[in-house]
């Protein structure tokens, strides 16, 4: 509808040839042939412009524009100067239907053909001045409109792509957060459930304390999941260090943790290292079979600036790192803040096992 109204605005130029058909003193045969020629011209013009949205072949469009130009030339030479206005439609249709690299030549070409025809038609030079600007400017205006429409379509497609990428990124964030949160919490719940089961029925009071701990961990896990879904979950290193001590102690693993951490870290950097600590401790509890776990947290100076290093080492079975959801998610988190993740055997065979070590590094930036 909008396109029809826009194209219809240009049809007022047909008043000159229509008036010439009615009052130009032509014979009946000339009127009939002129009317048929005008109807064919308008029909061809409308088909050409409306089918542009269907991406017609460029060669077919060029042929159609050539047919319109031939009709305009023939009608102008046979019926008079009033028909020179048809060249405006030739120029506009070429600007609207052809690609910009072609229409930049066809629009001046149609205007040049208008000039030559006007000079060949009796009295045509008097109409020429009033038709040159509409032909030239109208054609290039349609070139600009066509480019604007194409840009608008590309912009809409780009916005749709950005929205899809944002949705995918949000799903990935939620998957990472839920994996890290629930993996740690469920591992701790499993350990404490096993402890409570072994304590019953001989030590009911100790079992009751384990059950109370399970309830507390479950409630905290529910809060963490809600915060993660809402996008507000940002773990801290002090909190994760306390959680690591609780989880490792419950699993019967001797733990060596750094003292109170007072270093001020950028929020994103601290969150990435806290997630790394949580995932590393969860893997130690679930998979390592270790007897001792050591966690170190330091700030070292490098040529690129200060870097925070988190190392989690155990004396368990060790083995090569398997790039599962946890390590993959950690790598993505650290890369997002310019950090790196290294995981692999720790080489602690002298302690009864190969051991495993996870090293997370994140830059502090110049403002730290």
Protein backbone atom coordinates (compact mmCIF):
# COMPACT_ATOMS: atom_id res chain seq x y z
CA UNK A 1 0.00 0.00 0.00
CA UNK A 2 2.76 2.45 0.93
CA UNK A 3 4.70 1.60 -2.19
CA UNK A 4 1.60 2.08 -4.35
CA UNK A 5 0.96 5.52 -2.85
CA UNK A 6 4.60 6.52 -3.32
CA UNK A 7 4.65 5.41 -6.96
CA UNK A 8 1.25 7.00 -7.58
CA UNK A 9 2.64 10.44 -6.74
CA UNK A 10 4.62 10.40 -9.97
CA UNK A 11 1.59 9.67 -12.16
CA UNK A 12 0.48 13.30 -12.12
CA UNK A 13 3.04 13.91 -14.90
CA UNK A 14 0.74 11.92 -17.22
CA UNK A 15 -1.69 14.82 -17.31
CA UNK A 16 0.22 16.33 -20.25
CA UNK A 17 -0.05 13.35 -22.65
CA UNK A 18 -3.64 12.60 -21.55
CA UNK A 19 -4.64 16.19 -22.23
CA UNK A 20 -2.90 15.99 -25.59
CA UNK A 21 -4.90 12.89 -26.49
CA UNK A 22 -8.18 14.63 -25.63
CA UNK A 23 -7.52 18.14 -26.95
CA UNK A 24 -4.46 17.89 -29.17
CA UNK A 25 -6.38 17.75 -32.44
CA UNK A 26 -5.13 14.28 -33.37
CA UNK A 27 -7.09 11.98 -35.62
CA UNK A 28 -9.16 9.18 -34.15
CA UNK A 29 -6.63 6.59 -35.22
CA UNK A 30 -3.79 8.55 -33.65
CA UNK A 31 -5.78 8.86 -30.45
CA UNK A 32 -6.45 5.14 -30.31
CA UNK A 33 -2.85 4.22 -31.03
CA UNK A 34 -1.59 6.88 -28.61
CA UNK A 35 -3.95 5.64 -25.87
CA UNK A 36 -2.82 2.04 -26.39
CA UNK A 37 0.83 3.14 -26.38
CA UNK A 38 0.36 5.13 -23.19
CA UNK A 39 -1.46 2.26 -21.47
CA UNK A 40 1.30 -0.16 -22.50
CA UNK A 41 3.96 2.25 -21.29
CA UNK A 42 2.31 2.74 -17.86
CA UNK A 43 1.66 -0.99 -17.44
CA UNK A 44 5.27 -1.85 -18.30
CA UNK A 45 6.50 0.86 -15.97
CA UNK A 46 4.37 -0.33 -13.03
CA UNK A 47 5.32 -3.97 -13.54
CA UNK A 48 8.98 -3.04 -13.65
CA UNK A 49 8.87 -0.94 -10.48
CA UNK A 50 6.66 -3.30 -8.47
CA UNK A 51 8.66 -6.41 -9.38
CA UNK A 52 11.86 -4.80 -8.15
CA UNK A 53 11.22 -6.24 -4.70
CA UNK A 54 11.33 -9.71 -6.22
CA UNK A 55 14.94 -9.26 -7.36
CA UNK A 56 14.50 -9.42 -11.13
CA UNK A 57 17.52 -10.37 -13.19
CA UNK A 58 19.58 -7.30 -14.09
CA UNK A 59 19.55 -8.11 -17.79
CA UNK A 60 15.75 -8.33 -17.80
CA UNK A 61 15.53 -4.99 -16.01
CA UNK A 62 17.87 -3.39 -18.56
CA UNK A 63 15.73 -4.80 -21.38
CA UNK A 64 12.59 -3.42 -19.73
CA UNK A 65 14.15 0.04 -19.32
CA UNK A 66 15.23 -0.07 -22.97
CA UNK A 67 11.65 -0.93 -24.02
CA UNK A 68 10.33 2.02 -21.98
CA UNK A 69 12.89 4.33 -23.58
CA UNK A 70 11.93 3.12 -27.05
CA UNK A 71 8.22 3.66 -26.33
CA UNK A 72 8.88 7.15 -24.97
CA UNK A 73 10.96 8.06 -28.02
CA UNK A 74 8.40 6.71 -30.50
CA UNK A 75 5.40 8.38 -28.83
CA UNK A 76 7.23 11.71 -28.50
CA UNK A 77 8.37 11.76 -32.13
CA UNK A 78 4.93 10.82 -33.49
CA UNK A 79 2.53 12.66 -31.14
CA UNK A 80 4.47 15.74 -30.05
CA UNK A 81 6.35 17.48 -27.31
CA UNK A 82 3.74 16.77 -24.59
CA UNK A 83 4.91 13.16 -24.61
CA UNK A 84 8.48 14.03 -23.67
CA UNK A 85 7.42 13.67 -20.04
CA UNK A 86 7.55 9.89 -20.46
CA UNK A 87 11.32 10.11 -20.26
CA UNK A 88 10.95 11.13 -16.61
CA UNK A 89 9.40 7.71 -15.99
CA UNK A 90 12.23 6.02 -17.85
CA UNK A 91 14.76 7.76 -15.62
CA UNK A 92 12.84 7.02 -12.42
CA UNK A 93 12.27 3.36 -13.27
CA UNK A 94 15.94 2.83 -14.06
CA UNK A 95 16.94 4.44 -10.75
CA UNK A 96 14.42 2.36 -8.81
CA UNK A 97 14.98 -1.01 -10.47
CA UNK A 98 18.67 -1.15 -11.34
CA UNK A 99 21.68 -1.51 -9.01
CA UNK A 100 23.48 1.70 -8.15
CA UNK A 101 26.58 0.92 -10.20
CA UNK A 102 24.38 0.66 -13.32
CA UNK A 103 21.73 3.29 -12.62
CA UNK A 104 24.38 5.96 -12.19
CA UNK A 105 24.82 5.65 -15.97
CA UNK A 106 21.27 4.88 -17.08
CA UNK A 107 19.75 7.96 -15.37
CA UNK A 108 22.06 10.41 -17.23
CA UNK A 109 21.57 8.28 -20.34
CA UNK A 110 17.79 8.64 -20.15
CA UNK A 111 18.21 12.39 -19.62
CA UNK A 112 20.53 12.62 -22.62
CA UNK A 113 18.00 10.72 -24.77
CA UNK A 114 15.33 13.14 -23.56
CA UNK A 115 17.48 16.06 -24.73
CA UNK A 116 18.10 14.57 -28.17
CA UNK A 117 14.42 13.72 -28.65
CA UNK A 118 13.29 17.16 -27.48
CA UNK A 119 15.58 18.82 -30.03
CA UNK A 120 14.09 16.60 -32.75
CA UNK A 121 10.45 17.30 -31.83
CA UNK A 122 8.91 20.60 -32.98
CA UNK A 123 8.80 22.98 -30.01
CA UNK A 124 10.42 20.40 -27.75
CA UNK A 125 13.18 22.72 -26.66
CA UNK A 126 10.58 24.83 -24.82
CA UNK A 127 9.68 21.78 -22.68
CA UNK A 128 13.24 20.68 -22.22
CA UNK A 129 14.15 23.05 -19.39
CA UNK A 130 11.16 21.91 -17.33
CA UNK A 131 11.91 18.20 -17.78
CA UNK A 132 15.69 17.98 -17.37
CA UNK A 133 15.73 18.52 -13.59
CA UNK A 134 12.78 16.14 -12.84
CA UNK A 135 14.37 13.47 -15.03
CA UNK A 136 17.86 13.80 -13.61
CA UNK A 137 17.00 14.49 -9.96
CA UNK A 138 14.05 12.10 -9.87
CA UNK A 139 16.17 9.26 -11.18
CA UNK A 140 18.98 9.84 -8.69
CA UNK A 141 16.43 10.30 -5.90
CA UNK A 142 15.16 6.79 -6.61
CA UNK A 143 18.75 5.53 -6.55
CA UNK A 144 19.10 6.97 -3.06
CA UNK A 145 15.75 5.55 -1.94
CA UNK A 146 16.71 2.12 -3.25
CA UNK A 147 20.01 2.29 -1.33
CA UNK A 148 18.17 3.43 1.80
CA UNK A 149 15.72 0.53 1.55
CA UNK A 150 18.56 -1.93 1.08
CA UNK A 151 20.39 -0.48 4.08
CA UNK A 152 17.24 -0.65 6.19
CA UNK A 153 16.76 -4.32 5.33
CA UNK A 154 20.39 -5.08 6.17
CA UNK A 155 20.02 -3.16 9.45
CA UNK A 156 16.96 -5.19 10.42
CA UNK A 157 18.80 -8.40 9.62
CA UNK A 158 21.78 -7.24 11.65
CA UNK A 159 19.53 -6.40 14.61
CA UNK A 160 17.92 -9.83 14.40
CA UNK A 161 21.38 -11.42 14.34
CA UNK A 162 22.54 -9.36 17.33
CA UNK A 163 19.40 -10.31 19.26
CA UNK A 164 20.01 -13.98 18.48
CA UNK A 165 23.65 -13.74 19.55
CA UNK A 166 22.63 -11.98 22.78
CA UNK A 167 20.11 -14.73 23.51
CA UNK A 168 22.75 -17.40 22.84
CA UNK A 169 25.23 -15.60 25.08
CA UNK A 170 22.66 -15.38 27.88
CA UNK A 171 21.87 -19.09 27.57
CA UNK A 172 25.60 -19.85 27.68
CA UNK A 173 26.02 -17.67 30.78
CA UNK A 174 23.17 -19.41 32.55
CA UNK A 175 24.53 -22.83 31.59
CA UNK A 176 27.98 -21.95 32.96
CA UNK A 177 26.61 -20.49 36.18
CA UNK A 178 24.22 -23.36 36.85
CA UNK A 179 26.92 -25.95 36.11
CA UNK A 180 29.39 -24.31 38.49
CA UNK A 181 26.83 -23.59 41.21
CA UNK A 182 25.01 -26.91 41.25
CA UNK A 183 28.12 -29.02 40.69
CA UNK A 184 29.72 -27.63 43.84
CA UNK A 185 26.58 -27.65 45.97
CA UNK A 186 25.40 -31.12 44.94
CA UNK A 187 28.86 -32.57 45.56
CA UNK A 188 28.84 -31.14 49.08
CA UNK A 189 25.30 -32.40 49.71
CA UNK A 190 26.32 -35.89 48.56
CA UNK A 191 29.34 -35.95 50.85
CA UNK A 192 27.42 -34.80 53.90
CA UNK A 193 24.62 -37.24 53.16
CA UNK A 194 27.16 -40.09 53.13
CA UNK A 195 28.64 -38.84 56.40
CA UNK A 196 25.21 -38.63 58.01
CA UNK A 197 24.42 -42.15 56.84
CA UNK A 198 27.61 -43.55 58.39
CA UNK A 199 26.96 -41.76 61.67
CA UNK A 200 23.54 -43.31 62.11
CA UNK A 201 22.47 -44.89 64.40
CA UNK A 202 25.56 -44.70 66.67
CA UNK A 203 26.06 -40.89 66.52
CA UNK A 204 22.64 -39.34 65.97
CA UNK A 205 23.68 -35.89 67.18
CA UNK A 206 26.59 -35.68 64.75
CA UNK A 207 24.33 -36.97 61.97
CA UNK A 208 21.80 -34.30 62.83
CA UNK A 209 24.50 -31.64 62.43
CA UNK A 210 25.34 -33.01 59.00
CA UNK A 211 21.67 -32.95 58.05
CA UNK A 212 21.46 -29.34 59.22
CA UNK A 213 24.47 -28.53 57.05
CA UNK A 214 22.76 -30.22 54.10
CA UNK A 215 19.69 -28.04 54.65
CA UNK A 216 21.84 -24.91 54.78
CA UNK A 217 23.77 -25.83 51.62
CA UNK A 218 20.51 -26.63 49.82
CA UNK A 219 18.98 -23.29 50.76
CA UNK A 220 22.12 -21.44 49.70
CA UNK A 221 22.17 -23.35 46.39
CA UNK A 222 18.59 -22.28 45.76
CA UNK A 223 19.49 -18.65 46.44
CA UNK A 224 22.54 -18.90 44.17
CA UNK A 225 20.51 -20.38 41.33
CA UNK A 226 17.93 -17.61 41.58
CA UNK A 227 20.68 -14.98 41.53
CA UNK A 228 22.38 -16.67 38.59
CA UNK A 229 19.16 -16.73 36.60
CA UNK A 230 18.61 -13.07 37.41
CA UNK A 231 22.15 -12.21 36.33
CA UNK A 232 23.26 -10.83 39.68
CA UNK A 233 25.44 -13.70 40.91
CA UNK A 234 29.04 -12.57 41.46
CA UNK A 235 31.02 -14.89 43.74
CA UNK A 236 33.85 -13.46 45.82
CA UNK A 237 37.22 -14.98 46.68
CA UNK A 238 36.74 -14.84 50.48
CA UNK A 239 33.39 -16.58 50.17
CA UNK A 240 34.73 -19.26 47.85
CA UNK A 241 37.78 -19.84 50.07
CA UNK A 242 35.47 -20.49 53.01
CA UNK A 243 33.33 -22.77 50.88
CA UNK A 244 36.42 -24.64 49.67
CA UNK A 245 37.51 -25.30 53.28
CA UNK A 246 34.07 -26.67 54.13
CA UNK A 247 33.82 -28.92 51.06
CA UNK A 248 37.35 -30.34 51.31
CA UNK A 249 37.10 -30.94 55.06
CA UNK A 250 33.79 -32.75 54.61
CA UNK A 251 35.44 -34.98 52.00
CA UNK A 252 38.25 -35.88 54.42
CA UNK A 253 40.89 -34.00 52.42
CA UNK A 254 43.57 -32.03 54.20
CA UNK A 255 43.43 -28.48 52.94
CA UNK A 256 46.03 -25.75 52.84
CA UNK A 257 44.48 -22.38 52.06
CA UNK A 258 45.93 -18.86 51.94
CA UNK A 259 45.23 -16.52 54.81
CA UNK A 260 42.73 -13.69 54.76
CA UNK A 261 42.63 -12.25 51.25
CA UNK A 262 42.67 -8.46 51.42
CA UNK A 263 43.89 -7.60 47.91
CA UNK A 264 41.50 -5.37 46.00
CA UNK A 265 40.73 -6.91 42.61
CA UNK A 266 38.56 -5.67 39.75
CA UNK A 267 35.07 -7.07 40.12
CA UNK A 268 35.14 -9.09 36.88
CA UNK A 269 38.61 -10.48 37.66
CA UNK A 270 37.66 -11.55 41.18
CA UNK A 271 34.47 -13.21 39.91
CA UNK A 272 36.40 -15.17 37.25
CA UNK A 273 38.99 -16.40 39.80
CA UNK A 274 36.25 -17.25 42.31
CA UNK A 275 34.49 -19.39 39.71
CA UNK A 276 37.81 -21.08 38.93
CA UNK A 277 38.37 -21.87 42.62
CA UNK A 278 34.87 -23.31 42.97
CA UNK A 279 35.21 -25.53 39.89
CA UNK A 280 38.69 -26.73 40.88
CA UNK A 281 37.61 -27.66 44.42
CA UNK A 282 34.52 -29.43 43.09
CA UNK A 283 36.68 -31.52 40.76
CA UNK A 284 39.08 -32.37 43.59
CA UNK A 285 36.22 -33.56 45.77
CA UNK A 286 34.45 -35.54 43.06
CA UNK A 287 37.20 -37.02 40.92
CA UNK A 288 40.71 -36.82 42.38
CA UNK A 289 40.74 -39.27 45.31
CA UNK A 290 43.29 -36.92 46.86
CA UNK A 291 44.38 -36.74 50.48
CA UNK A 292 45.69 -33.19 50.39
CA UNK A 293 44.80 -30.08 48.43
CA UNK A 294 46.77 -26.83 48.34
CA UNK A 295 45.37 -23.51 47.23
CA UNK A 296 47.61 -20.50 46.62
CA UNK A 297 46.54 -17.03 45.61
CA UNK A 298 49.16 -14.44 44.75
CA UNK A 299 49.72 -11.29 42.73
CA UNK A 300 52.81 -11.34 40.50
CA UNK A 301 54.36 -8.59 38.42
CA UNK A 302 54.85 -9.30 34.71
CA UNK A 303 56.00 -7.24 31.76
CA UNK A 304 52.34 -6.71 30.85
CA UNK A 305 51.45 -5.54 34.38
CA UNK A 306 50.25 -7.13 37.64
CA UNK A 307 48.54 -10.52 37.33
CA UNK A 308 46.54 -12.45 39.92
CA UNK A 309 47.37 -16.17 40.00
CA UNK A 310 45.20 -18.86 41.55
CA UNK A 311 46.72 -22.35 41.87
CA UNK A 312 44.85 -25.43 43.08
CA UNK A 313 47.03 -28.54 43.45
CA UNK A 314 46.14 -31.99 44.75
CA UNK A 315 48.00 -35.29 45.25
CA UNK A 316 45.32 -37.47 43.69
CA UNK A 317 45.26 -39.79 40.70
CA UNK A 318 45.97 -36.97 38.28
CA UNK A 319 45.76 -37.58 34.54
CA UNK A 320 45.31 -35.31 31.54
CA UNK A 321 42.76 -32.50 31.69
CA UNK A 322 39.43 -33.33 30.05
CA UNK A 323 37.81 -30.30 28.42
CA UNK A 324 34.32 -30.77 29.82
CA UNK A 325 31.68 -28.16 30.52
CA UNK A 326 33.47 -26.96 33.66
CA UNK A 327 36.93 -26.30 32.22
CA UNK A 328 35.45 -24.94 28.99
CA UNK A 329 33.28 -22.51 30.94
CA UNK A 330 36.25 -21.42 33.07
CA UNK A 331 38.37 -20.82 30.00
CA UNK A 332 35.65 -18.61 28.52
CA UNK A 333 35.24 -16.67 31.78
CA UNK A 334 38.97 -16.00 32.09
CA UNK A 335 39.41 -15.10 28.42
CA UNK A 336 36.60 -12.56 28.84
CA UNK A 337 38.78 -10.64 31.34
CA UNK A 338 42.03 -11.23 29.42
CA UNK A 339 43.18 -14.18 31.52
CA UNK A 340 44.26 -17.77 30.86
CA UNK A 341 43.63 -21.22 32.30
CA UNK A 342 46.14 -24.07 32.51
CA UNK A 343 45.23 -27.53 33.84
CA UNK A 344 47.13 -30.81 33.85
CA UNK A 345 49.21 -33.30 35.86
CA UNK A 346 51.09 -31.79 38.78
CA UNK A 347 53.92 -34.37 38.81
CA UNK A 348 53.56 -35.37 42.48
CA UNK A 349 54.29 -39.07 42.11
CA UNK A 350 56.59 -38.93 45.14
CA UNK A 351 53.49 -38.27 47.24
CA UNK A 352 51.64 -41.36 46.12
CA UNK A 353 49.97 -40.05 42.96
CA UNK A 354 50.48 -38.05 39.83
CA UNK A 355 48.47 -35.16 41.21
CA UNK A 356 46.65 -32.46 39.31
CA UNK A 357 47.13 -28.71 39.12
CA UNK A 358 44.88 -25.91 37.90
CA UNK A 359 46.39 -22.48 37.30
CA UNK A 360 44.15 -19.50 36.60
CA UNK A 361 45.72 -16.15 35.71
CA UNK A 362 43.90 -12.84 35.29
CA UNK A 363 45.39 -9.36 34.75
CA UNK A 364 44.63 -6.68 37.31
CA UNK A 365 44.92 -3.68 34.98
CA UNK A 366 46.73 -0.44 35.50
CA UNK A 367 44.27 0.78 38.06
CA UNK A 368 44.87 -2.02 40.58
